[in-house]
Amino acid sequence: MNKLELQNFVHFKKAEPSVVRQAIRNEKFTGQTSGCCEGHLQCNVTIVDSKHNKSLENFCLLNPKAAPLLEIMDGTPFTSKLGKDIDIRTDVPRYEVYTIKHNKIDCKEVLNIKEYWNKGMTTFLTGCSFSFEDELMENKIPMYHIQYGRNVSMYNTNIPINSVDGFGKDLVVSMRLIPHSMLWNTCQITEKYWMSHGAPFFVGHPSIIGIKNINKCDYGDDPVFNEANKNDVPCFWACGVTVKNTILHALEQGVIDFAITHKPGHMIITDIPLINAAKILRSPS
């Protein structure tokens, strides 16, 4: 995160979602969104050709821990459930556009997707664990990546997930270091938020789930280890980047030839307070 992004990030911690989305839409803020608009639901974004919408929907329904499905927007860039004036073409800080060129996957990072959008696309919005970080901090549970203005650390694992019509690979997890005395409280706080991945998927040594080097993450920023957290326990949550991995696998297998996702850590911020999300949104399971 550069100096300007860090300044905006600090400024946006208590801002209304509409204010932050406007800054993103105007390309004034292009950084990661962990810690922004405290207490509001954030979402992962995946866009595919509409002919694949049923397959991807079934994938989400079969993998609710990794891909808690909040809304499907078929042929429209505007959400009907998660807020007012949310435009999926402009309101994500950074997008990744995937195509096949010369039989290889090409990824282009862009700040809006206006030139790519058409009515033949379907958008899937799935929950993100950024949403419950504020409640953890309110309960004195440290979120070190937010303290240091960094993105959360995310890792590929060796845990297979349910596949549908070529969509599916392995689980991706996000990691937060939690003091041992706060593990139970952490689980209690997060388990009620199915729409944000719920309680930790795994607690313990990372090698058990296929992570060889916890110091080097696959997505986001590498974790900060210091005297304050050297005895903390690694906690791993199912992560929405699992869907991104699924998309990459589908591209590799020739199932699809085009897709758009958010850049990991760069979410769309909704108008829904997390405290009310369970009442407003109904679990598809």
Protein backbone atom coordinates (compact mmCIF):
# COMPACT_ATOMS: atom_id res chain seq x y z
CA MET A 1 0.00 0.00 0.00
CA ASN A 2 1.49 3.34 -1.06
CA LYS A 3 1.40 6.49 1.08
CA LEU A 4 -1.73 7.92 -0.55
CA GLU A 5 -3.58 4.59 -0.31
CA LEU A 6 -2.62 4.32 3.37
CA GLN A 7 -3.92 7.84 4.07
CA ASN A 8 -7.22 7.04 2.35
CA PHE A 9 -7.40 3.67 4.11
CA VAL A 10 -7.15 5.36 7.54
CA HIS A 11 -9.65 8.04 6.49
CA PHE A 12 -12.17 5.44 5.27
CA LYS A 13 -12.21 3.31 8.42
CA LYS A 14 -15.33 5.03 9.78
CA ALA A 15 -16.67 6.32 6.46
CA GLU A 16 -20.06 5.43 4.99
CA PRO A 17 -19.86 2.75 2.27
CA SER A 18 -21.31 5.12 -0.35
CA VAL A 19 -18.46 7.59 0.31
CA VAL A 20 -15.81 4.93 -0.17
CA ARG A 21 -17.51 3.50 -3.26
CA GLN A 22 -17.61 6.98 -4.80
CA ALA A 23 -13.89 7.38 -4.18
CA ILE A 24 -13.31 3.97 -5.78
CA ARG A 25 -15.58 4.85 -8.72
CA ASN A 26 -13.61 8.05 -9.29
CA GLU A 27 -10.37 6.05 -8.96
CA LYS A 28 -9.28 8.12 -5.97
CA PHE A 29 -8.92 4.99 -3.85
CA THR A 30 -7.55 1.81 -5.41
CA GLY A 31 -6.18 0.01 -2.36
CA GLN A 32 -7.26 -3.06 -0.40
CA THR A 33 -10.39 -2.70 1.72
CA SER A 34 -9.65 -4.56 4.96
CA GLY A 35 -10.58 -2.15 7.77
CA CYS A 36 -12.68 0.16 5.57
CA CYS A 37 -16.25 1.08 6.56
CA GLU A 38 -16.11 -0.73 9.86
CA GLY A 39 -19.00 -3.04 10.57
CA HIS A 40 -20.23 -3.35 6.98
CA LEU A 41 -20.46 -6.44 4.82
CA GLN A 42 -17.83 -6.77 2.09
CA CYS A 43 -18.05 -9.10 -0.92
CA ASN A 44 -15.94 -11.06 -3.35
CA VAL A 45 -16.79 -10.54 -7.02
CA THR A 46 -16.77 -13.14 -9.80
CA ILE A 47 -18.13 -12.49 -13.30
CA VAL A 48 -18.58 -15.14 -16.00
CA ASP A 49 -20.52 -15.61 -19.22
CA SER A 50 -24.15 -16.29 -18.37
CA LYS A 51 -24.04 -19.73 -20.00
CA HIS A 52 -21.93 -20.85 -17.03
CA ASN A 53 -24.11 -19.31 -14.32
CA LYS A 54 -25.86 -22.50 -13.22
CA SER A 55 -22.58 -24.42 -12.89
CA LEU A 56 -20.98 -21.68 -10.81
CA GLU A 57 -24.11 -21.29 -8.70
CA ASN A 58 -24.09 -25.01 -7.92
CA PHE A 59 -20.39 -24.78 -7.09
CA CYS A 60 -21.12 -22.06 -4.52
CA LEU A 61 -24.02 -24.00 -3.04
CA LEU A 62 -21.87 -27.10 -2.64
CA ASN A 63 -19.03 -25.12 -1.04
CA PRO A 64 -20.82 -22.66 1.28
CA LYS A 65 -17.90 -22.27 3.69
CA ALA A 66 -15.57 -21.03 0.94
CA ALA A 67 -18.18 -19.33 -1.25
CA PRO A 68 -21.11 -18.07 0.85
CA LEU A 69 -23.47 -16.93 -1.89
CA LEU A 70 -25.06 -13.52 -1.27
CA GLU A 71 -26.44 -12.49 -4.66
CA ILE A 72 -26.45 -13.46 -8.33
CA MET A 73 -26.81 -10.57 -10.80
CA ASP A 74 -27.70 -11.92 -14.24
CA GLY A 75 -27.31 -9.40 -17.06
CA THR A 76 -27.20 -6.33 -14.82
CA PRO A 77 -24.31 -4.53 -13.10
CA PHE A 78 -26.54 -3.29 -10.26
CA THR A 79 -27.24 -5.16 -7.03
CA SER A 80 -30.84 -5.39 -5.83
CA LYS A 81 -30.04 -6.65 -2.32
CA LEU A 82 -26.81 -5.20 -0.99
CA GLY A 83 -27.13 -1.44 -1.31
CA LYS A 84 -28.12 1.62 -3.29
CA ASP A 85 -26.23 2.77 -6.37
CA ILE A 86 -23.69 -0.07 -6.35
CA ASP A 87 -22.24 -0.51 -9.83
CA ILE A 88 -20.24 -3.69 -10.26
CA ARG A 89 -18.40 -2.13 -13.25
CA THR A 90 -16.75 0.65 -11.26
CA ASP A 91 -17.04 0.08 -7.50
CA VAL A 92 -14.27 -2.48 -6.95
CA PRO A 93 -10.84 -0.92 -6.28
CA ARG A 94 -9.00 -3.30 -8.62
CA TYR A 95 -10.24 -5.97 -11.00
CA GLU A 96 -8.48 -8.87 -12.71
CA VAL A 97 -9.66 -9.67 -16.25
CA TYR A 98 -8.82 -13.18 -17.46
CA THR A 99 -8.73 -14.25 -21.10
CA ILE A 100 -7.00 -16.97 -23.11
CA LYS A 101 -4.26 -15.77 -25.48
CA HIS A 102 -2.10 -18.16 -27.48
CA ASN A 103 -3.44 -21.05 -25.39
CA LYS A 104 -2.28 -19.40 -22.16
CA ILE A 105 -4.11 -17.53 -19.42
CA ASP A 106 -3.67 -13.77 -19.67
CA CYS A 107 -4.50 -11.56 -16.68
CA LYS A 108 -4.97 -7.81 -16.97
CA GLU A 109 -5.42 -5.64 -13.87
CA VAL A 110 -7.80 -2.70 -14.38
CA LEU A 111 -9.58 -0.06 -12.28
CA ASN A 112 -12.98 -0.48 -13.97
CA ILE A 113 -14.55 -2.97 -16.35
CA LYS A 114 -16.80 -0.70 -18.42
CA GLU A 115 -15.20 -1.75 -21.69
CA TYR A 116 -15.67 -5.45 -20.90
CA TRP A 117 -19.20 -5.42 -19.55
CA ASN A 118 -22.17 -6.73 -21.53
CA LYS A 119 -25.63 -8.05 -20.72
CA GLY A 120 -24.52 -11.62 -21.34
CA MET A 121 -22.56 -11.66 -18.07
CA THR A 122 -23.53 -12.99 -14.66
CA THR A 123 -22.02 -11.63 -11.45
CA PHE A 124 -21.65 -13.69 -8.28
CA LEU A 125 -21.22 -11.86 -4.99
CA THR A 126 -19.87 -14.02 -2.16
CA GLY A 127 -19.03 -13.17 1.43
CA CYS A 128 -15.66 -12.00 2.78
CA SER A 129 -14.02 -12.38 6.19
CA PHE A 130 -12.99 -8.70 6.19
CA SER A 131 -16.55 -8.06 7.37
CA PHE A 132 -16.13 -9.43 10.89
CA GLU A 133 -12.66 -8.01 11.64
CA ASP A 134 -14.06 -4.89 13.30
CA GLU A 135 -16.04 -6.92 15.83
CA LEU A 136 -12.93 -8.94 16.63
CA MET A 137 -10.98 -5.74 17.26
CA GLU A 138 -13.80 -4.35 19.38
CA ASN A 139 -13.30 -7.40 21.58
CA LYS A 140 -9.55 -6.65 21.89
CA ILE A 141 -8.59 -9.42 19.47
CA PRO A 142 -5.70 -8.01 17.40
CA MET A 143 -5.82 -7.84 13.61
CA TYR A 144 -2.15 -7.27 12.89
CA HIS A 145 -2.53 -6.73 9.15
CA ILE A 146 -4.91 -3.84 9.79
CA GLN A 147 -2.59 -2.36 12.42
CA TYR A 148 0.19 -2.31 9.83
CA GLY A 149 -2.00 -1.15 6.92
CA ARG A 150 -1.52 -4.43 5.06
CA ASN A 151 -3.65 -6.94 3.23
CA VAL A 152 -4.47 -10.20 5.00
CA SER A 153 -2.28 -13.23 4.20
CA MET A 154 -3.95 -15.88 2.01
CA TYR A 155 -2.67 -19.35 1.14
CA ASN A 156 -3.38 -22.24 -1.19
CA THR A 157 -4.00 -25.54 0.62
CA ASN A 158 -4.13 -29.24 -0.24
CA ILE A 159 -7.79 -29.51 0.81
CA PRO A 160 -10.03 -30.45 -2.15
CA ILE A 161 -13.41 -28.84 -2.60
CA ASN A 162 -16.56 -30.00 -4.39
CA SER A 163 -16.32 -29.62 -8.17
CA VAL A 164 -19.14 -28.90 -10.62
CA ASP A 165 -18.78 -29.08 -14.41
CA GLY A 166 -15.07 -28.24 -14.30
CA PHE A 167 -15.40 -25.57 -11.60
CA GLY A 168 -13.37 -26.56 -8.55
CA LYS A 169 -9.83 -27.12 -7.28
CA ASP A 170 -8.47 -26.70 -3.73
CA LEU A 171 -9.47 -24.52 -0.80
CA VAL A 172 -7.78 -21.14 -0.26
CA VAL A 173 -7.58 -19.82 3.31
CA SER A 174 -6.91 -16.48 4.97
CA MET A 175 -4.73 -16.45 8.09
CA ARG A 176 -4.83 -14.33 11.23
CA LEU A 177 -2.61 -14.77 14.27
CA ILE A 178 -4.77 -15.03 17.39
CA PRO A 179 -3.56 -15.05 21.03
CA HIS A 180 -4.19 -18.47 22.55
CA SER A 181 -6.39 -17.03 25.30
CA MET A 182 -8.67 -15.44 22.68
CA LEU A 183 -9.25 -18.46 20.43
CA TRP A 184 -12.60 -19.41 21.93
CA ASN A 185 -13.90 -15.85 21.80
CA THR A 186 -12.74 -15.57 18.18
CA CYS A 187 -14.69 -18.69 17.23
CA GLN A 188 -17.80 -17.50 19.08
CA ILE A 189 -17.75 -14.13 17.36
CA THR A 190 -17.19 -15.39 13.83
CA GLU A 191 -19.28 -18.57 13.78
CA LYS A 192 -22.56 -16.65 13.58
CA TYR A 193 -21.56 -14.95 10.32
CA TRP A 194 -22.16 -17.63 7.68
CA MET A 195 -22.14 -14.85 5.08
CA SER A 196 -18.49 -14.07 5.95
CA HIS A 197 -17.12 -17.64 6.10
CA GLY A 198 -18.08 -18.23 9.74
CA ALA A 199 -15.69 -19.70 12.29
CA PRO A 200 -12.09 -20.66 11.45
CA PHE A 201 -11.79 -23.65 9.14
CA PHE A 202 -8.58 -24.82 10.81
CA VAL A 203 -6.44 -23.85 13.80
CA GLY A 204 -2.91 -25.16 14.15
CA HIS A 205 0.28 -25.94 12.25
CA PRO A 206 0.00 -24.81 8.62
CA SER A 207 1.82 -27.84 7.20
CA ILE A 208 -1.17 -30.03 8.11
CA ILE A 209 -3.24 -28.29 5.41
CA GLY A 210 -0.42 -28.11 2.86
CA ILE A 211 1.10 -24.71 3.63
CA LYS A 212 4.86 -25.21 3.49
CA ASN A 213 5.99 -21.71 4.45
CA ILE A 214 3.68 -19.49 6.47
CA ASN A 215 6.09 -16.58 6.01
CA LYS A 216 5.37 -16.51 2.27
CA CYS A 217 1.72 -16.21 1.32
CA ASP A 218 0.17 -16.89 -2.10
CA TYR A 219 -2.11 -13.83 -2.11
CA GLY A 220 -2.21 -10.58 -0.15
CA ASP A 221 0.74 -9.51 2.04
CA ASP A 222 3.12 -11.73 3.96
CA PRO A 223 2.36 -11.83 7.70
CA VAL A 224 4.25 -9.66 10.19
CA PHE A 225 5.86 -11.66 13.00
CA ASN A 226 7.26 -9.81 16.01
CA GLU A 227 7.62 -10.05 19.77
CA ALA A 228 3.96 -9.13 20.25
CA ASN A 229 2.61 -12.11 18.34
CA LYS A 230 5.39 -14.71 18.37
CA ASN A 231 3.35 -17.04 20.61
CA ASP A 232 0.02 -16.50 18.86
CA VAL A 233 -1.79 -19.34 17.10
CA PRO A 234 -2.35 -19.32 13.31
CA CYS A 235 -6.08 -19.42 12.56
CA PHE A 236 -7.25 -20.13 9.03
CA TRP A 237 -10.61 -19.16 7.55
CA ALA A 238 -12.06 -20.43 4.29
CA CYS A 239 -11.41 -17.65 1.78
CA GLY A 240 -13.31 -16.28 -1.20
CA VAL A 241 -10.16 -16.47 -3.31
CA THR A 242 -11.12 -20.14 -3.56
CA VAL A 243 -13.55 -19.01 -6.27
CA LYS A 244 -10.70 -17.24 -8.08
CA ASN A 245 -8.72 -20.49 -8.02
CA THR A 246 -11.78 -22.26 -9.37
CA ILE A 247 -11.96 -19.77 -12.22
CA LEU A 248 -8.27 -20.25 -13.01
CA HIS A 249 -8.74 -24.01 -13.05
CA ALA A 250 -11.73 -23.69 -15.38
CA LEU A 251 -9.65 -21.49 -17.70
CA GLU A 252 -6.80 -24.00 -17.66
CA GLN A 253 -9.19 -26.84 -18.48
CA GLY A 254 -10.86 -24.94 -21.32
CA VAL A 255 -14.22 -24.88 -19.53
CA ILE A 256 -14.36 -21.08 -19.90
CA ASP A 257 -12.34 -18.58 -21.92
CA PHE A 258 -13.14 -15.34 -20.08
CA ALA A 259 -13.79 -14.20 -16.51
CA ILE A 260 -13.46 -11.17 -14.25
CA THR A 261 -12.71 -11.20 -10.53
CA HIS A 262 -11.73 -8.66 -7.90
CA LYS A 263 -8.02 -8.50 -7.07
CA PRO A 264 -7.57 -10.41 -3.79
CA GLY A 265 -8.20 -8.07 -0.86
CA HIS A 266 -9.93 -5.43 -3.01
CA MET A 267 -13.60 -6.00 -2.22
CA ILE A 268 -16.89 -4.36 -2.97
CA ILE A 269 -18.30 -2.71 0.16
CA THR A 270 -22.05 -3.03 0.70
CA ASP A 271 -24.50 -0.85 2.63
CA ILE A 272 -25.45 -3.74 4.93
CA PRO A 273 -24.23 -3.56 8.55
CA LEU A 274 -22.85 -6.96 9.49
CA ILE A 275 -24.90 -6.97 12.67
CA ASN A 276 -28.08 -7.02 10.53
CA ALA A 277 -26.80 -9.22 7.72
CA ALA A 278 -28.16 -12.49 9.09
CA LYS A 279 -31.66 -10.96 9.22
CA ILE A 280 -31.45 -9.34 5.78
CA LEU A 281 -29.79 -12.24 3.95
CA ARG A 282 -31.03 -15.80 4.01
CA SER A 283 -28.50 -18.62 3.90
CA PRO A 284 -28.88 -20.55 0.63
CA SER A 285 -28.15 -23.75 2.56
